[in-house]
Amino acid sequence: MSASDSTSPAPTLEDALLDVLARANGKTLSAPEIAHAVATDDDWHALLMPIRRAAIRLALAGRLIIYRKGKIADPNDFRGVYRLGLPRQD
């Protein structure tokens, strides 16, 4: 068994995105805010498209909500500035 076999796998972008949202205490966050939180270097811009794709997958699975202009957006059809949040637990 090699050393890499005994370590836990690196968290996925989806896991990191959900973790950042969980720490936001119910607030919504923009993609750049999330990118800054998960970037391991100064190149957070490269994360914007992967975050969008991960957000769409998570929204379709019901694990997060995409907001556009304060309203819930269709994950398959939204443009422009958006924010992400976790589903409410009411």
PDB file of N, CA and C in Angstrom:
ATOM      1  N   MET A   1       0.851  -1.182   0.000  1.00  0.00           N
ATOM      2  CA  MET A   1       0.000   0.000   0.000  1.00  0.00           C
ATOM      3  C   MET A   1       0.888   1.234   0.000  1.00  0.00           C
ATOM      4  N   SER A   2       0.677   2.126  -0.914  1.00  0.00           N
ATOM      5  CA  SER A   2       1.478   3.335  -0.981  1.00  0.00           C
ATOM      6  C   SER A   2       0.900   4.389  -0.045  1.00  0.00           C
ATOM      7  N   ALA A   3       1.660   5.437   0.189  1.00  0.00           N
ATOM      8  CA  ALA A   3       1.213   6.512   1.082  1.00  0.00           C
ATOM      9  C   ALA A   3      -0.043   7.189   0.554  1.00  0.00           C
ATOM     10  N   SER A   4      -0.170   7.275  -0.778  1.00  0.00           N
ATOM     11  CA  SER A   4      -1.341   7.940  -1.343  1.00  0.00           C
ATOM     12  C   SER A   4      -2.607   7.116  -1.147  1.00  0.00           C
ATOM     13  N   ASP A   5      -2.469   5.782  -0.964  1.00  0.00           N
ATOM     14  CA  ASP A   5      -3.633   4.930  -0.750  1.00  0.00           C
ATOM     15  C   ASP A   5      -4.248   5.140   0.623  1.00  0.00           C
ATOM     16  N   SER A   6      -3.437   5.545   1.598  1.00  0.00           N
ATOM     17  CA  SER A   6      -3.938   5.672   2.964  1.00  0.00           C
ATOM     18  C   SER A   6      -4.501   7.055   3.268  1.00  0.00           C
ATOM     19  N   THR A   7      -4.317   8.004   2.384  1.00  0.00           N
ATOM     20  CA  THR A   7      -4.850   9.337   2.631  1.00  0.00           C
ATOM     21  C   THR A   7      -6.263   9.441   2.093  1.00  0.00           C
ATOM     22  N   SER A   8      -7.025  10.341   2.684  1.00  0.00           N
ATOM     23  CA  SER A   8      -8.383  10.532   2.196  1.00  0.00           C
ATOM     24  C   SER A   8      -8.342  11.304   0.882  1.00  0.00           C
ATOM     25  N   PRO A   9      -9.316  11.067   0.016  1.00  0.00           N
ATOM     26  CA  PRO A   9      -9.307  11.763  -1.273  1.00  0.00           C
ATOM     27  C   PRO A   9      -9.505  13.263  -1.085  1.00  0.00           C
ATOM     28  N   ALA A  10      -8.958  14.004  -2.008  1.00  0.00           N
ATOM     29  CA  ALA A  10      -9.113  15.458  -1.948  1.00  0.00           C
ATOM     30  C   ALA A  10     -10.584  15.810  -2.130  1.00  0.00           C
ATOM     31  N   PRO A  11     -11.062  16.831  -1.412  1.00  0.00           N
ATOM     32  CA  PRO A  11     -12.472  17.203  -1.573  1.00  0.00           C
ATOM     33  C   PRO A  11     -12.734  17.705  -2.998  1.00  0.00           C
ATOM     34  N   THR A  12     -13.894  17.379  -3.498  1.00  0.00           N
ATOM     35  CA  THR A  12     -14.268  17.840  -4.829  1.00  0.00           C
ATOM     36  C   THR A  12     -14.669  19.307  -4.746  1.00  0.00           C
ATOM     37  N   LEU A  13     -14.758  19.936  -5.903  1.00  0.00           N
ATOM     38  CA  LEU A  13     -15.219  21.317  -5.937  1.00  0.00           C
ATOM     39  C   LEU A  13     -16.635  21.410  -5.379  1.00  0.00           C
ATOM     40  N   GLU A  14     -17.468  20.418  -5.685  1.00  0.00           N
ATOM     41  CA  GLU A  14     -18.835  20.419  -5.159  1.00  0.00           C
ATOM     42  C   GLU A  14     -18.832  20.375  -3.633  1.00  0.00           C
ATOM     43  N   ASP A  15     -17.978  19.528  -3.057  1.00  0.00           N
ATOM     44  CA  ASP A  15     -17.876  19.451  -1.596  1.00  0.00           C
ATOM     45  C   ASP A  15     -17.400  20.780  -1.016  1.00  0.00           C
ATOM     46  N   ALA A  16     -16.391  21.375  -1.655  1.00  0.00           N
ATOM     47  CA  ALA A  16     -15.859  22.649  -1.182  1.00  0.00           C
ATOM     48  C   ALA A  16     -16.907  23.750  -1.278  1.00  0.00           C
ATOM     49  N   LEU A  17     -17.662  23.758  -2.362  1.00  0.00           N
ATOM     50  CA  LEU A  17     -18.718  24.749  -2.564  1.00  0.00           C
ATOM     51  C   LEU A  17     -19.783  24.625  -1.462  1.00  0.00           C
ATOM     52  N   LEU A  18     -20.222  23.405  -1.195  1.00  0.00           N
ATOM     53  CA  LEU A  18     -21.226  23.190  -0.145  1.00  0.00           C
ATOM     54  C   LEU A  18     -20.675  23.551   1.232  1.00  0.00           C
ATOM     55  N   ASP A  19     -19.394  23.281   1.462  1.00  0.00           N
ATOM     56  CA  ASP A  19     -18.770  23.625   2.742  1.00  0.00           C
ATOM     57  C   ASP A  19     -18.746  25.140   2.941  1.00  0.00           C
ATOM     58  N   VAL A  20     -18.367  25.872   1.907  1.00  0.00           N
ATOM     59  CA  VAL A  20     -18.331  27.340   1.997  1.00  0.00           C
ATOM     60  C   VAL A  20     -19.735  27.880   2.263  1.00  0.00           C
ATOM     61  N   LEU A  21     -20.738  27.343   1.581  1.00  0.00           N
ATOM     62  CA  LEU A  21     -22.112  27.797   1.794  1.00  0.00           C
ATOM     63  C   LEU A  21     -22.597  27.453   3.202  1.00  0.00           C
ATOM     64  N   ALA A  22     -22.201  26.297   3.715  1.00  0.00           N
ATOM     65  CA  ALA A  22     -22.598  25.908   5.072  1.00  0.00           C
ATOM     66  C   ALA A  22     -22.018  26.872   6.102  1.00  0.00           C
ATOM     67  N   ARG A  23     -20.810  27.367   5.849  1.00  0.00           N
ATOM     68  CA  ARG A  23     -20.180  28.324   6.769  1.00  0.00           C
ATOM     69  C   ARG A  23     -20.728  29.737   6.617  1.00  0.00           C
ATOM     70  N   ALA A  24     -21.556  29.976   5.592  1.00  0.00           N
ATOM     71  CA  ALA A  24     -22.109  31.317   5.350  1.00  0.00           C
ATOM     72  C   ALA A  24     -23.330  31.604   6.218  1.00  0.00           C
ATOM     73  N   ASN A  25     -23.729  30.660   7.045  1.00  0.00           N
ATOM     74  CA  ASN A  25     -24.837  30.857   7.985  1.00  0.00           C
ATOM     75  C   ASN A  25     -26.124  31.319   7.322  1.00  0.00           C
ATOM     76  N   GLY A  26     -26.512  30.645   6.262  1.00  0.00           N
ATOM     77  CA  GLY A  26     -27.781  30.954   5.615  1.00  0.00           C
ATOM     78  C   GLY A  26     -27.747  32.082   4.604  1.00  0.00           C
ATOM     79  N   LYS A  27     -26.621  32.740   4.448  1.00  0.00           N
ATOM     80  CA  LYS A  27     -26.506  33.819   3.461  1.00  0.00           C
ATOM     81  C   LYS A  27     -26.197  33.227   2.088  1.00  0.00           C
ATOM     82  N   THR A  28     -26.546  33.982   1.055  1.00  0.00           N
ATOM     83  CA  THR A  28     -26.168  33.579  -0.290  1.00  0.00           C
ATOM     84  C   THR A  28     -24.800  34.169  -0.615  1.00  0.00           C
ATOM     85  N   LEU A  29     -24.094  33.503  -1.504  1.00  0.00           N
ATOM     86  CA  LEU A  29     -22.766  33.964  -1.915  1.00  0.00           C
ATOM     87  C   LEU A  29     -22.679  33.985  -3.427  1.00  0.00           C
ATOM     88  N   SER A  30     -21.879  34.893  -3.943  1.00  0.00           N
ATOM     89  CA  SER A  30     -21.639  34.953  -5.385  1.00  0.00           C
ATOM     90  C   SER A  30     -20.531  33.968  -5.753  1.00  0.00           C
ATOM     91  N   ALA A  31     -20.435  33.656  -7.027  1.00  0.00           N
ATOM     92  CA  ALA A  31     -19.379  32.759  -7.502  1.00  0.00           C
ATOM     93  C   ALA A  31     -17.985  33.304  -7.173  1.00  0.00           C
ATOM     94  N   PRO A  32     -17.719  34.614  -7.362  1.00  0.00           N
ATOM     95  CA  PRO A  32     -16.393  35.116  -6.980  1.00  0.00           C
ATOM     96  C   PRO A  32     -16.104  34.977  -5.485  1.00  0.00           C
ATOM     97  N   GLU A  33     -17.111  35.151  -4.633  1.00  0.00           N
ATOM     98  CA  GLU A  33     -16.900  34.978  -3.195  1.00  0.00           C
ATOM     99  C   GLU A  33     -16.521  33.533  -2.878  1.00  0.00           C
ATOM    100  N   ILE A  34     -17.187  32.603  -3.534  1.00  0.00           N
ATOM    101  CA  ILE A  34     -16.880  31.191  -3.324  1.00  0.00           C
ATOM    102  C   ILE A  34     -15.500  30.864  -3.886  1.00  0.00           C
ATOM    103  N   ALA A  35     -15.193  31.407  -5.059  1.00  0.00           N
ATOM    104  CA  ALA A  35     -13.885  31.158  -5.674  1.00  0.00           C
ATOM    105  C   ALA A  35     -12.758  31.649  -4.776  1.00  0.00           C
ATOM    106  N   HIS A  36     -12.913  32.824  -4.180  1.00  0.00           N
ATOM    107  CA  HIS A  36     -11.898  33.342  -3.252  1.00  0.00           C
ATOM    108  C   HIS A  36     -11.732  32.401  -2.061  1.00  0.00           C
ATOM    109  N   ALA A  37     -12.835  31.823  -1.583  1.00  0.00           N
ATOM    110  CA  ALA A  37     -12.789  30.966  -0.404  1.00  0.00           C
ATOM    111  C   ALA A  37     -12.129  29.622  -0.682  1.00  0.00           C
ATOM    112  N   VAL A  38     -12.258  29.099  -1.894  1.00  0.00           N
ATOM    113  CA  VAL A  38     -11.720  27.769  -2.185  1.00  0.00           C
ATOM    114  C   VAL A  38     -10.413  27.785  -2.955  1.00  0.00           C
ATOM    115  N   ALA A  39     -10.011  28.927  -3.487  1.00  0.00           N
ATOM    116  CA  ALA A  39      -8.780  28.999  -4.285  1.00  0.00           C
ATOM    117  C   ALA A  39      -7.564  28.714  -3.409  1.00  0.00           C
ATOM    118  N   THR A  40      -6.673  27.892  -3.934  1.00  0.00           N
ATOM    119  CA  THR A  40      -5.445  27.587  -3.203  1.00  0.00           C
ATOM    120  C   THR A  40      -4.309  28.529  -3.598  1.00  0.00           C
ATOM    121  N   ASP A  41      -4.541  29.316  -4.627  1.00  0.00           N
ATOM    122  CA  ASP A  41      -3.555  30.306  -5.049  1.00  0.00           C
ATOM    123  C   ASP A  41      -4.310  31.573  -5.461  1.00  0.00           C
ATOM    124  N   ASP A  42      -3.634  32.486  -6.103  1.00  0.00           N
ATOM    125  CA  ASP A  42      -4.271  33.750  -6.478  1.00  0.00           C
ATOM    126  C   ASP A  42      -5.128  33.650  -7.736  1.00  0.00           C
ATOM    127  N   ASP A  43      -5.157  32.507  -8.395  1.00  0.00           N
ATOM    128  CA  ASP A  43      -5.892  32.377  -9.647  1.00  0.00           C
ATOM    129  C   ASP A  43      -7.322  31.893  -9.404  1.00  0.00           C
ATOM    130  N   TRP A  44      -8.098  32.691  -8.702  1.00  0.00           N
ATOM    131  CA  TRP A  44      -9.489  32.321  -8.411  1.00  0.00           C
ATOM    132  C   TRP A  44     -10.384  32.486  -9.632  1.00  0.00           C
ATOM    133  N   HIS A  45      -9.964  33.308 -10.607  1.00  0.00           N
ATOM    134  CA  HIS A  45     -10.776  33.508 -11.817  1.00  0.00           C
ATOM    135  C   HIS A  45     -11.011  32.197 -12.575  1.00  0.00           C
ATOM    136  N   ALA A  46     -10.020  31.318 -12.545  1.00  0.00           N
ATOM    137  CA  ALA A  46     -10.128  30.044 -13.257  1.00  0.00           C
ATOM    138  C   ALA A  46     -11.207  29.142 -12.651  1.00  0.00           C
ATOM    139  N   LEU A  47     -11.650  29.445 -11.457  1.00  0.00           N
ATOM    140  CA  LEU A  47     -12.669  28.621 -10.801  1.00  0.00           C
ATOM    141  C   LEU A  47     -14.098  29.039 -11.130  1.00  0.00           C
ATOM    142  N   LEU A  48     -14.290  30.177 -11.753  1.00  0.00           N
ATOM    143  CA  LEU A  48     -15.648  30.681 -11.954  1.00  0.00           C
ATOM    144  C   LEU A  48     -16.506  29.752 -12.814  1.00  0.00           C
ATOM    145  N   MET A  49     -16.000  29.273 -13.934  1.00  0.00           N
ATOM    146  CA  MET A  49     -16.790  28.375 -14.775  1.00  0.00           C
ATOM    147  C   MET A  49     -16.989  27.013 -14.108  1.00  0.00           C
ATOM    148  N   PRO A  50     -15.940  26.421 -13.515  1.00  0.00           N
ATOM    149  CA  PRO A  50     -16.172  25.159 -12.806  1.00  0.00           C
ATOM    150  C   PRO A  50     -17.182  25.295 -11.651  1.00  0.00           C
ATOM    151  N   ILE A  51     -17.177  26.433 -10.961  1.00  0.00           N
ATOM    152  CA  ILE A  51     -18.157  26.659  -9.896  1.00  0.00           C
ATOM    153  C   ILE A  51     -19.557  26.713 -10.488  1.00  0.00           C
ATOM    154  N   ARG A  52     -19.708  27.381 -11.607  1.00  0.00           N
ATOM    155  CA  ARG A  52     -21.026  27.454 -12.254  1.00  0.00           C
ATOM    156  C   ARG A  52     -21.517  26.054 -12.631  1.00  0.00           C
ATOM    157  N   ARG A  53     -20.641  25.252 -13.230  1.00  0.00           N
ATOM    158  CA  ARG A  53     -21.035  23.894 -13.622  1.00  0.00           C
ATOM    159  C   ARG A  53     -21.386  23.039 -12.400  1.00  0.00           C
ATOM    160  N   ALA A  54     -20.578  23.155 -11.340  1.00  0.00           N
ATOM    161  CA  ALA A  54     -20.851  22.404 -10.112  1.00  0.00           C
ATOM    162  C   ALA A  54     -22.165  22.865  -9.482  1.00  0.00           C
ATOM    163  N   ALA A  55     -22.422  24.171  -9.506  1.00  0.00           N
ATOM    164  CA  ALA A  55     -23.663  24.711  -8.943  1.00  0.00           C
ATOM    165  C   ALA A  55     -24.876  24.186  -9.701  1.00  0.00           C
ATOM    166  N   ILE A  56     -24.773  24.092 -11.005  1.00  0.00           N
ATOM    167  CA  ILE A  56     -25.889  23.556 -11.799  1.00  0.00           C
ATOM    168  C   ILE A  56     -26.153  22.102 -11.418  1.00  0.00           C
ATOM    169  N   ARG A  57     -25.084  21.308 -11.333  1.00  0.00           N
ATOM    170  CA  ARG A  57     -25.263  19.897 -10.944  1.00  0.00           C
ATOM    171  C   ARG A  57     -25.895  19.789  -9.558  1.00  0.00           C
ATOM    172  N   LEU A  58     -25.413  20.578  -8.610  1.00  0.00           N
ATOM    173  CA  LEU A  58     -25.935  20.528  -7.244  1.00  0.00           C
ATOM    174  C   LEU A  58     -27.374  21.039  -7.177  1.00  0.00           C
ATOM    175  N   ALA A  59     -27.699  22.056  -7.960  1.00  0.00           N
ATOM    176  CA  ALA A  59     -29.073  22.578  -7.974  1.00  0.00           C
ATOM    177  C   ALA A  59     -30.028  21.551  -8.560  1.00  0.00           C
ATOM    178  N   LEU A  60     -29.615  20.883  -9.615  1.00  0.00           N
ATOM    179  CA  LEU A  60     -30.457  19.850 -10.222  1.00  0.00           C
ATOM    180  C   LEU A  60     -30.674  18.678  -9.257  1.00  0.00           C
ATOM    181  N   ALA A  61     -29.703  18.444  -8.374  1.00  0.00           N
ATOM    182  CA  ALA A  61     -29.820  17.384  -7.372  1.00  0.00           C
ATOM    183  C   ALA A  61     -30.562  17.855  -6.125  1.00  0.00           C
ATOM    184  N   GLY A  62     -30.917  19.150  -6.067  1.00  0.00           N
ATOM    185  CA  GLY A  62     -31.640  19.685  -4.919  1.00  0.00           C
ATOM    186  C   GLY A  62     -30.773  20.017  -3.724  1.00  0.00           C
ATOM    187  N   ARG A  63     -29.457  20.114  -3.919  1.00  0.00           N
ATOM    188  CA  ARG A  63     -28.547  20.361  -2.799  1.00  0.00           C
ATOM    189  C   ARG A  63     -28.197  21.827  -2.603  1.00  0.00           C
ATOM    190  N   LEU A  64     -28.494  22.677  -3.578  1.00  0.00           N
ATOM    191  CA  LEU A  64     -28.336  24.113  -3.421  1.00  0.00           C
ATOM    192  C   LEU A  64     -29.322  24.822  -4.323  1.00  0.00           C
ATOM    193  N   ILE A  65     -29.417  26.134  -4.129  1.00  0.00           N
ATOM    194  CA  ILE A  65     -30.350  26.943  -4.914  1.00  0.00           C
ATOM    195  C   ILE A  65     -29.561  28.047  -5.606  1.00  0.00           C
ATOM    196  N   ILE A  66     -29.886  28.270  -6.864  1.00  0.00           N
ATOM    197  CA  ILE A  66     -29.292  29.352  -7.639  1.00  0.00           C
ATOM    198  C   ILE A  66     -30.298  30.498  -7.654  1.00  0.00           C
ATOM    199  N   TYR A  67     -29.831  31.691  -7.279  1.00  0.00           N
ATOM    200  CA  TYR A  67     -30.682  32.881  -7.253  1.00  0.00           C
ATOM    201  C   TYR A  67     -30.226  33.863  -8.319  1.00  0.00           C
ATOM    202  N   ARG A  68     -31.187  34.486  -8.954  1.00  0.00           N
ATOM    203  CA  ARG A  68     -30.924  35.548  -9.929  1.00  0.00           C
ATOM    204  C   ARG A  68     -31.867  36.682  -9.590  1.00  0.00           C
ATOM    205  N   LYS A  69     -31.327  37.845  -9.283  1.00  0.00           N
ATOM    206  CA  LYS A  69     -32.116  39.016  -8.886  1.00  0.00           C
ATOM    207  C   LYS A  69     -33.031  38.703  -7.707  1.00  0.00           C
ATOM    208  N   GLY A  70     -32.519  37.908  -6.759  1.00  0.00           N
ATOM    209  CA  GLY A  70     -33.250  37.599  -5.540  1.00  0.00           C
ATOM    210  C   GLY A  70     -34.303  36.516  -5.667  1.00  0.00           C
ATOM    211  N   LYS A  71     -34.465  35.961  -6.849  1.00  0.00           N
ATOM    212  CA  LYS A  71     -35.472  34.917  -7.067  1.00  0.00           C
ATOM    213  C   LYS A  71     -34.784  33.625  -7.476  1.00  0.00           C
ATOM    214  N   ILE A  72     -35.438  32.515  -7.176  1.00  0.00           N
ATOM    215  CA  ILE A  72     -34.883  31.223  -7.552  1.00  0.00           C
ATOM    216  C   ILE A  72     -34.845  31.111  -9.071  1.00  0.00           C
ATOM    217  N   ALA A  73     -33.678  30.737  -9.575  1.00  0.00           N
ATOM    218  CA  ALA A  73     -33.478  30.628 -11.027  1.00  0.00           C
ATOM    219  C   ALA A  73     -33.543  29.165 -11.457  1.00  0.00           C
ATOM    220  N   ASP A  74     -33.928  28.970 -12.691  1.00  0.00           N
ATOM    221  CA  ASP A  74     -33.917  27.642 -13.293  1.00  0.00           C
ATOM    222  C   ASP A  74     -32.456  27.277 -13.563  1.00  0.00           C
ATOM    223  N   PRO A  75     -31.959  26.179 -12.977  1.00  0.00           N
ATOM    224  CA  PRO A  75     -30.552  25.811 -13.187  1.00  0.00           C
ATOM    225  C   PRO A  75     -30.191  25.583 -14.651  1.00  0.00           C
ATOM    226  N   ASN A  76     -31.172  25.235 -15.454  1.00  0.00           N
ATOM    227  CA  ASN A  76     -30.903  24.980 -16.866  1.00  0.00           C
ATOM    228  C   ASN A  76     -31.002  26.228 -17.730  1.00  0.00           C
ATOM    229  N   ASP A  77     -31.429  27.348 -17.153  1.00  0.00           N
ATOM    230  CA  ASP A  77     -31.663  28.536 -17.972  1.00  0.00           C
ATOM    231  C   ASP A  77     -31.520  29.817 -17.162  1.00  0.00           C
ATOM    232  N   PHE A  78     -30.288  30.197 -16.852  1.00  0.00           N
ATOM    233  CA  PHE A  78     -30.056  31.477 -16.180  1.00  0.00           C
ATOM    234  C   PHE A  78     -28.796  32.097 -16.753  1.00  0.00           C
ATOM    235  N   ARG A  79     -28.777  33.411 -16.736  1.00  0.00           N
ATOM    236  CA  ARG A  79     -27.632  34.156 -17.262  1.00  0.00           C
ATOM    237  C   ARG A  79     -27.253  35.257 -16.298  1.00  0.00           C
ATOM    238  N   GLY A  80     -26.079  35.793 -16.505  1.00  0.00           N
ATOM    239  CA  GLY A  80     -25.645  36.961 -15.753  1.00  0.00           C
ATOM    240  C   GLY A  80     -25.225  36.651 -14.335  1.00  0.00           C
ATOM    241  N   VAL A  81     -25.345  37.672 -13.495  1.00  0.00           N
ATOM    242  CA  VAL A  81     -24.922  37.585 -12.102  1.00  0.00           C
ATOM    243  C   VAL A  81     -25.887  36.683 -11.342  1.00  0.00           C
ATOM    244  N   TYR A  82     -25.328  35.797 -10.554  1.00  0.00           N
ATOM    245  CA  TYR A  82     -26.153  34.886  -9.759  1.00  0.00           C
ATOM    246  C   TYR A  82     -25.521  34.696  -8.394  1.00  0.00           C
ATOM    247  N   ARG A  83     -26.321  34.209  -7.474  1.00  0.00           N
ATOM    248  CA  ARG A  83     -25.859  33.908  -6.137  1.00  0.00           C
ATOM    249  C   ARG A  83     -26.279  32.488  -5.798  1.00  0.00           C
ATOM    250  N   LEU A  84     -25.575  31.874  -4.859  1.00  0.00           N
ATOM    251  CA  LEU A  84     -25.858  30.509  -4.477  1.00  0.00           C
ATOM    252  C   LEU A  84     -26.177  30.425  -2.994  1.00  0.00           C
ATOM    253  N   GLY A  85     -27.081  29.546  -2.649  1.00  0.00           N
ATOM    254  CA  GLY A  85     -27.427  29.340  -1.255  1.00  0.00           C
ATOM    255  C   GLY A  85     -27.877  27.921  -1.030  1.00  0.00           C
ATOM    256  N   LEU A  86     -27.879  27.516   0.228  1.00  0.00           N
ATOM    257  CA  LEU A  86     -28.358  26.189   0.573  1.00  0.00           C
ATOM    258  C   LEU A  86     -29.872  26.221   0.709  1.00  0.00           C
ATOM    259  N   PRO A  87     -30.520  25.094   0.459  1.00  0.00           N
ATOM    260  CA  PRO A  87     -31.972  25.050   0.652  1.00  0.00           C
ATOM    261  C   PRO A  87     -32.320  25.324   2.113  1.00  0.00           C
ATOM    262  N   ARG A  88     -33.412  25.990   2.330  1.00  0.00           N
ATOM    263  CA  ARG A  88     -33.859  26.303   3.692  1.00  0.00           C
ATOM    264  C   ARG A  88     -34.355  25.037   4.362  1.00  0.00           C
ATOM    265  N   GLN A  89     -34.145  24.948   5.646  1.00  0.00           N
ATOM    266  CA  GLN A  89     -34.551  23.782   6.418  1.00  0.00           C
ATOM    267  C   GLN A  89     -35.792  24.046   7.248  1.00  0.00           C
ATOM    268  N   ASP A  90     -36.727  24.855   6.738  1.00  0.00           N
ATOM    269  CA  ASP A  90     -37.944  25.210   7.476  1.00  0.00           C
ATOM    270  C   ASP A  90     -38.872  24.032   7.622  1.00  0.00           C
TER     271      ASP A  90
END
